[in-house]
Amino acid sequence: MAQSGWADSNRRPPRPKRGALPTALHPECWEYTVRAHRGQGVGMDAVVRFEMLRGGIAQLSLHRPEARNALTWEAMRLFAEAVEAAHAAPDLRALIVTGDDEAFCAGGDLYELDGFPTRADGIRLSAIMATALDRLEALPIPTVAAIEGPALGGGAEMALACDLRVMAEGSTLGMMHVRLGITPAWGGGQRLLRLVGYARSLEWLAAGRVLTPDEALEAGVANLSVPRGESREHAIALAQTIATCDPNAVRAVKRLLRAGLTLPSREAAMAERGEFPDLWAAPAHLEASASFVARRNHKPQRA
């Protein structure tokens, strides 16, 4: 892994301790975390976890609370593995993406990544999470970001790669890359553009704008604004509502809407029409339609 690169003369050494920097951000503690979790994949003890809940709902969560869930190289690798675990999970109907304690994700962990300053490092950094977030976006089921605390920089890009976003009071969502002299590299700029349009995206990205839940809700970036500490609860409730619907129809809904993001309007409309016939003839629709027709209160009333 890249952690050994600190001894490489081409790498910048980690920054020294500053002020009240949490001890778990120190390189020696990070190395301990790597040793503790290497080889454990996406298990319950990992810094990134994938776990099945009930009713076809799964959760992908980050667990570095002392660093506001900032992403190290190892955390990125585990995140990518967790996304692949979601792709492989049978009967999955919805996925919650969240962080623990009081943060969603504060972006990349600069106390590690600052030691990797070359262009080649930038290519590697952009590739690993861009690929992982593309794979997250490509999941055939709806994904819901449950956001407490900061979702900043790469954390905001992670939230935007989800289909839906639930933001708790006191949380923030900000594409702050420009404040570090960089741009989004994990697809967040393009996802923001599709959500809010060119003018708003340019303003927010060029100014490093940070949104409150109410601002995100008004702009259509967030789906729900909820009380502090309740984002996961509301995200699961939303996922449960989705999970009660026919899974083939839900997957078709996601496909046809995503077609509208990537295809010309006529082709997207044809893709939407193409989803309908098989669903019309499927058992789920036939049973639901027959049940509707059979209900006495829907029969015409005689005079």
Protein backbone atom coordinates (compact mmCIF):
# COMPACT_ATOMS: atom_id res chain seq x y z
CA MET A 1 0.00 0.00 0.00
CA ALA A 2 0.95 3.61 -0.48
CA GLN A 3 1.50 4.25 3.21
CA SER A 4 5.06 2.98 2.89
CA GLY A 5 5.67 5.81 0.44
CA TRP A 6 6.41 8.16 3.32
CA ALA A 7 9.91 6.72 3.39
CA ASP A 8 10.34 7.43 -0.32
CA SER A 9 12.54 10.42 -1.03
CA ASN A 10 10.03 11.49 -3.72
CA ARG A 11 7.31 11.87 -1.12
CA ARG A 12 6.71 14.75 1.20
CA PRO A 13 6.79 13.68 4.88
CA PRO A 14 3.54 13.97 6.84
CA ARG A 15 2.82 17.37 8.32
CA PRO A 16 3.87 17.81 11.95
CA LYS A 17 1.37 17.90 14.77
CA ARG A 18 -0.55 21.14 14.98
CA GLY A 19 -2.69 22.48 17.75
CA ALA A 20 -5.44 20.13 18.85
CA LEU A 21 -5.02 17.67 15.98
CA PRO A 22 -6.77 14.41 17.02
CA THR A 23 -4.22 11.71 17.81
CA ALA A 24 -5.86 9.28 15.39
CA LEU A 25 -4.82 11.56 12.54
CA HIS A 26 -1.16 11.08 13.36
CA PRO A 27 0.70 8.82 10.91
CA GLU A 28 1.61 6.21 13.54
CA CYS A 29 -2.02 5.86 14.56
CA TRP A 30 -3.09 5.66 10.94
CA GLU A 31 -0.55 2.89 10.35
CA TYR A 32 -2.03 1.03 13.32
CA THR A 33 -5.50 1.40 11.79
CA VAL A 34 -4.22 -0.05 8.52
CA ARG A 35 -2.63 -3.01 10.31
CA ALA A 36 -5.80 -3.58 12.31
CA HIS A 37 -8.07 -3.65 9.30
CA ARG A 38 -5.98 -4.85 6.39
CA GLY A 39 -7.37 -8.13 5.05
CA GLN A 40 -10.70 -7.70 6.83
CA GLY A 41 -12.38 -6.34 3.71
CA VAL A 42 -15.77 -4.84 4.44
CA GLY A 43 -16.40 -6.67 7.69
CA MET A 44 -17.91 -5.27 10.85
CA ASP A 45 -14.53 -4.12 12.24
CA ALA A 46 -13.37 -2.26 9.14
CA VAL A 47 -13.13 1.50 8.77
CA VAL A 48 -15.64 1.11 5.94
CA ARG A 49 -18.48 -1.32 6.51
CA PHE A 50 -21.10 -2.93 4.31
CA GLU A 51 -23.91 -4.65 6.14
CA MET A 52 -27.34 -5.96 5.24
CA LEU A 53 -30.18 -4.59 7.33
CA ARG A 54 -33.76 -5.88 6.99
CA GLY A 55 -36.18 -5.94 4.08
CA GLY A 56 -33.59 -5.84 1.33
CA ILE A 57 -31.94 -2.67 2.64
CA ALA A 58 -28.17 -2.44 3.12
CA GLN A 59 -25.89 0.16 4.67
CA LEU A 60 -22.43 1.33 3.60
CA SER A 61 -20.85 3.38 6.38
CA LEU A 62 -17.57 5.15 7.14
CA HIS A 63 -15.98 4.74 10.57
CA ARG A 64 -13.17 7.22 11.25
CA PRO A 65 -15.05 9.55 13.63
CA GLU A 66 -11.86 11.02 15.07
CA ALA A 67 -11.06 12.33 11.56
CA ARG A 68 -14.65 13.20 10.61
CA ASN A 69 -14.55 10.12 8.35
CA ALA A 70 -11.90 11.66 6.09
CA LEU A 71 -10.63 9.25 3.45
CA THR A 72 -7.15 7.79 3.50
CA TRP A 73 -5.80 5.51 0.76
CA GLU A 74 -6.91 2.48 2.75
CA ALA A 75 -10.37 3.91 3.38
CA MET A 76 -10.76 4.57 -0.34
CA ARG A 77 -9.80 1.00 -1.13
CA LEU A 78 -12.27 -0.35 1.42
CA PHE A 79 -14.98 1.98 0.14
CA ALA A 80 -14.50 0.61 -3.38
CA GLU A 81 -14.72 -2.95 -1.99
CA ALA A 82 -17.91 -2.08 -0.12
CA VAL A 83 -19.52 -0.78 -3.31
CA GLU A 84 -18.64 -4.03 -5.05
CA ALA A 85 -20.17 -5.93 -2.13
CA ALA A 86 -23.38 -4.00 -2.75
CA HIS A 87 -23.30 -4.99 -6.42
CA ALA A 88 -22.92 -8.64 -5.39
CA ALA A 89 -25.60 -8.62 -2.67
CA PRO A 90 -28.66 -10.71 -3.60
CA ASP A 91 -32.16 -9.22 -3.34
CA LEU A 92 -30.86 -5.73 -2.57
CA ARG A 93 -33.60 -3.10 -2.85
CA ALA A 94 -31.99 0.07 -1.47
CA LEU A 95 -28.64 1.21 -0.04
CA ILE A 96 -27.98 3.75 2.71
CA VAL A 97 -24.60 5.54 2.56
CA THR A 98 -23.59 7.26 5.78
CA GLY A 99 -20.86 8.07 8.28
CA ASP A 100 -20.78 7.42 11.99
CA ASP A 101 -21.15 9.82 14.89
CA GLU A 102 -21.36 13.44 13.78
CA ALA A 103 -19.91 13.44 10.27
CA PHE A 104 -20.71 12.11 6.82
CA CYS A 105 -17.27 12.57 5.24
CA ALA A 106 -14.89 15.51 5.43
CA GLY A 107 -13.23 14.57 2.12
CA GLY A 108 -9.70 13.32 1.65
CA ASP A 109 -7.47 13.07 4.71
CA LEU A 110 -4.90 15.73 3.89
CA TYR A 111 -2.70 14.74 6.81
CA GLU A 112 -1.91 11.65 4.77
CA LEU A 113 -2.55 12.81 1.20
CA ASP A 114 -0.35 15.90 1.56
CA GLY A 115 2.58 13.49 1.51
CA PHE A 116 1.73 12.49 -2.07
CA PRO A 117 2.19 15.72 -4.08
CA THR A 118 3.07 14.53 -7.61
CA ARG A 119 0.97 14.54 -10.76
CA ALA A 120 1.05 10.73 -10.73
CA ASP A 121 -0.37 10.83 -7.21
CA GLY A 122 -3.14 13.10 -8.46
CA ILE A 123 -3.98 10.65 -11.24
CA ARG A 124 -4.13 7.79 -8.75
CA LEU A 125 -6.23 9.81 -6.30
CA SER A 126 -8.74 10.85 -8.95
CA ALA A 127 -9.00 7.36 -10.46
CA ILE A 128 -9.66 5.26 -7.37
CA MET A 129 -12.65 7.20 -6.06
CA ALA A 130 -14.00 8.29 -9.45
CA THR A 131 -14.26 4.62 -10.35
CA ALA A 132 -15.80 3.73 -6.98
CA LEU A 133 -18.40 6.51 -7.21
CA ASP A 134 -19.23 5.59 -10.82
CA ARG A 135 -19.86 2.07 -9.54
CA LEU A 136 -21.98 3.44 -6.68
CA GLU A 137 -24.01 5.46 -9.17
CA ALA A 138 -24.36 2.38 -11.39
CA LEU A 139 -26.08 0.30 -8.72
CA PRO A 140 -29.47 -0.72 -10.14
CA ILE A 141 -31.26 0.16 -6.91
CA PRO A 142 -31.86 3.57 -5.28
CA THR A 143 -29.10 4.85 -2.99
CA VAL A 144 -29.69 7.31 -0.14
CA ALA A 145 -27.02 9.47 1.52
CA ALA A 146 -27.79 10.07 5.21
CA ILE A 147 -25.82 13.19 6.08
CA GLU A 148 -24.89 14.34 9.58
CA GLY A 149 -22.23 17.01 10.05
CA PRO A 150 -19.85 17.82 7.21
CA ALA A 151 -20.05 16.39 3.71
CA LEU A 152 -17.23 18.44 2.22
CA GLY A 153 -14.97 18.16 -0.83
CA GLY A 154 -14.76 14.49 -1.67
CA GLY A 155 -17.47 13.84 0.93
CA ALA A 156 -19.84 16.06 -1.03
CA GLU A 157 -18.91 14.18 -4.20
CA MET A 158 -19.78 10.94 -2.43
CA ALA A 159 -23.17 12.33 -1.41
CA LEU A 160 -23.86 13.55 -4.94
CA ALA A 161 -23.11 10.08 -6.34
CA CYS A 162 -26.11 8.81 -4.36
CA ASP A 163 -29.56 9.08 -5.89
CA LEU A 164 -31.19 10.75 -2.87
CA ARG A 165 -29.91 12.84 0.03
CA VAL A 166 -31.26 13.30 3.56
CA MET A 167 -29.56 16.14 5.46
CA ALA A 168 -29.81 16.64 9.20
CA GLU A 169 -29.95 20.02 10.91
CA GLY A 170 -26.42 21.33 11.37
CA SER A 171 -25.00 19.33 8.47
CA THR A 172 -23.23 20.96 5.54
CA LEU A 173 -22.60 20.02 1.93
CA GLY A 174 -19.83 21.86 0.14
CA MET A 175 -17.72 21.46 -2.96
CA MET A 176 -14.79 23.32 -1.42
CA HIS A 177 -12.04 22.04 -3.71
CA VAL A 178 -11.19 25.49 -5.10
CA ARG A 179 -10.10 26.61 -1.64
CA LEU A 180 -7.26 24.09 -1.97
CA GLY A 181 -6.47 25.14 -5.52
CA ILE A 182 -8.05 22.03 -7.09
CA THR A 183 -11.28 20.94 -8.74
CA PRO A 184 -13.61 18.01 -8.18
CA ALA A 185 -12.13 14.84 -9.70
CA TRP A 186 -14.57 12.10 -8.69
CA GLY A 187 -17.46 13.17 -10.95
CA GLY A 188 -19.00 15.61 -8.47
CA GLY A 189 -18.83 18.59 -10.79
CA GLN A 190 -20.82 16.84 -13.50
CA ARG A 191 -23.35 15.46 -11.01
CA LEU A 192 -23.84 18.93 -9.51
CA LEU A 193 -24.29 20.36 -13.02
CA ARG A 194 -27.07 17.85 -13.75
CA LEU A 195 -28.78 18.67 -10.47
CA VAL A 196 -28.73 22.47 -10.40
CA GLY A 197 -27.59 23.71 -13.83
CA TYR A 198 -24.59 25.61 -15.14
CA ALA A 199 -24.91 29.00 -13.42
CA ARG A 200 -25.41 27.67 -9.91
CA SER A 201 -22.73 25.01 -10.35
CA LEU A 202 -20.20 27.59 -11.54
CA GLU A 203 -21.00 29.91 -8.64
CA TRP A 204 -20.80 27.18 -6.02
CA LEU A 205 -17.67 25.50 -7.36
CA ALA A 206 -15.76 28.70 -8.12
CA ALA A 207 -16.57 30.18 -4.71
CA GLY A 208 -16.22 26.98 -2.67
CA ARG A 209 -19.81 27.39 -1.48
CA VAL A 210 -21.02 25.38 1.51
CA LEU A 211 -24.77 24.66 1.69
CA THR A 212 -26.99 24.31 4.73
CA PRO A 213 -29.76 21.67 4.64
CA ASP A 214 -32.40 24.30 3.87
CA GLU A 215 -30.32 25.74 1.02
CA ALA A 216 -29.68 22.28 -0.38
CA LEU A 217 -33.37 21.42 -0.11
CA GLU A 218 -34.43 24.63 -1.86
CA ALA A 219 -31.93 24.00 -4.68
CA GLY A 220 -33.10 20.42 -5.18
CA VAL A 221 -29.81 18.90 -3.96
CA ALA A 222 -31.37 17.45 -0.79
CA ASN A 223 -34.61 15.48 -0.71
CA LEU A 224 -35.26 15.91 3.02
CA SER A 225 -34.09 18.21 5.80
CA VAL A 226 -34.54 16.52 9.19
CA PRO A 227 -33.67 17.14 12.87
CA ARG A 228 -30.08 16.63 14.00
CA GLY A 229 -29.23 12.99 14.63
CA GLU A 230 -32.15 11.65 12.57
CA SER A 231 -30.73 11.45 9.05
CA ARG A 232 -30.15 7.70 9.16
CA GLU A 233 -33.61 7.05 10.64
CA HIS A 234 -35.31 9.06 7.90
CA ALA A 235 -33.09 7.58 5.19
CA ILE A 236 -34.02 4.07 6.30
CA ALA A 237 -37.72 5.02 6.38
CA LEU A 238 -37.40 6.34 2.83
CA ALA A 239 -35.59 3.17 1.77
CA GLN A 240 -38.27 1.03 3.42
CA THR A 241 -40.98 2.84 1.47
CA ILE A 242 -39.09 2.15 -1.74
CA ALA A 243 -38.49 -1.47 -0.72
CA THR A 244 -42.24 -2.12 -0.37
CA CYS A 245 -42.69 -1.48 -4.10
CA ASP A 246 -42.08 -4.07 -6.81
CA PRO A 247 -38.28 -4.27 -7.18
CA ASN A 248 -38.40 -4.73 -10.94
CA ALA A 249 -40.51 -1.60 -11.32
CA VAL A 250 -38.20 0.40 -9.02
CA ARG A 251 -35.14 -0.68 -10.97
CA ALA A 252 -36.89 0.24 -14.21
CA VAL A 253 -37.71 3.69 -12.80
CA LYS A 254 -34.03 4.28 -12.03
CA ARG A 255 -32.99 3.07 -15.50
CA LEU A 256 -35.44 5.27 -17.36
CA LEU A 257 -34.55 8.37 -15.35
CA ARG A 258 -30.83 7.81 -15.78
CA ALA A 259 -31.44 7.39 -19.51
CA GLY A 260 -32.79 10.94 -19.46
CA LEU A 261 -29.48 12.15 -18.01
CA THR A 262 -27.30 10.54 -20.66
CA LEU A 263 -29.37 10.15 -23.85
CA PRO A 264 -30.99 12.63 -26.24
CA SER A 265 -34.61 13.28 -25.29
CA ARG A 266 -36.10 11.12 -28.07
CA GLU A 267 -33.87 8.15 -27.25
CA ALA A 268 -34.60 8.56 -23.54
CA ALA A 269 -38.34 8.58 -24.25
CA MET A 270 -37.98 5.40 -26.30
CA ALA A 271 -36.02 3.81 -23.45
CA GLU A 272 -38.86 4.72 -21.09
CA ARG A 273 -41.44 3.20 -23.44
CA GLY A 274 -39.29 0.10 -23.71
CA GLU A 275 -39.49 -0.56 -19.96
CA PHE A 276 -43.30 -0.66 -19.95
CA PRO A 277 -44.46 -3.77 -21.89
CA ASP A 278 -42.59 -6.36 -19.82
CA LEU A 279 -43.72 -4.73 -16.58
CA TRP A 280 -47.32 -4.59 -17.85
CA ALA A 281 -47.29 -8.35 -18.43
CA ALA A 282 -45.37 -9.22 -15.26
CA PRO A 283 -47.02 -11.00 -12.30
CA ALA A 284 -46.60 -8.02 -9.98
CA HIS A 285 -48.70 -5.78 -12.22
CA LEU A 286 -51.26 -8.47 -13.08
CA GLU A 287 -51.84 -9.25 -9.41
CA ALA A 288 -52.04 -5.59 -8.40
CA SER A 289 -54.43 -4.78 -11.25
CA ALA A 290 -56.66 -7.78 -10.50
CA SER A 291 -56.73 -6.84 -6.81
CA PHE A 292 -57.73 -3.27 -7.69
CA VAL A 293 -60.53 -4.40 -9.99
CA ALA A 294 -61.82 -6.94 -7.50
CA ARG A 295 -62.20 -4.50 -4.63
CA ARG A 296 -65.90 -3.90 -4.12
CA ASN A 297 -65.57 -0.21 -3.33
CA HIS A 298 -64.20 0.40 -6.82
CA LYS A 299 -67.18 -1.16 -8.64
CA PRO A 300 -69.65 1.28 -10.22
CA GLN A 301 -72.58 2.06 -7.97
CA ARG A 302 -76.02 1.19 -9.30
CA ALA A 303 -78.72 3.82 -9.22
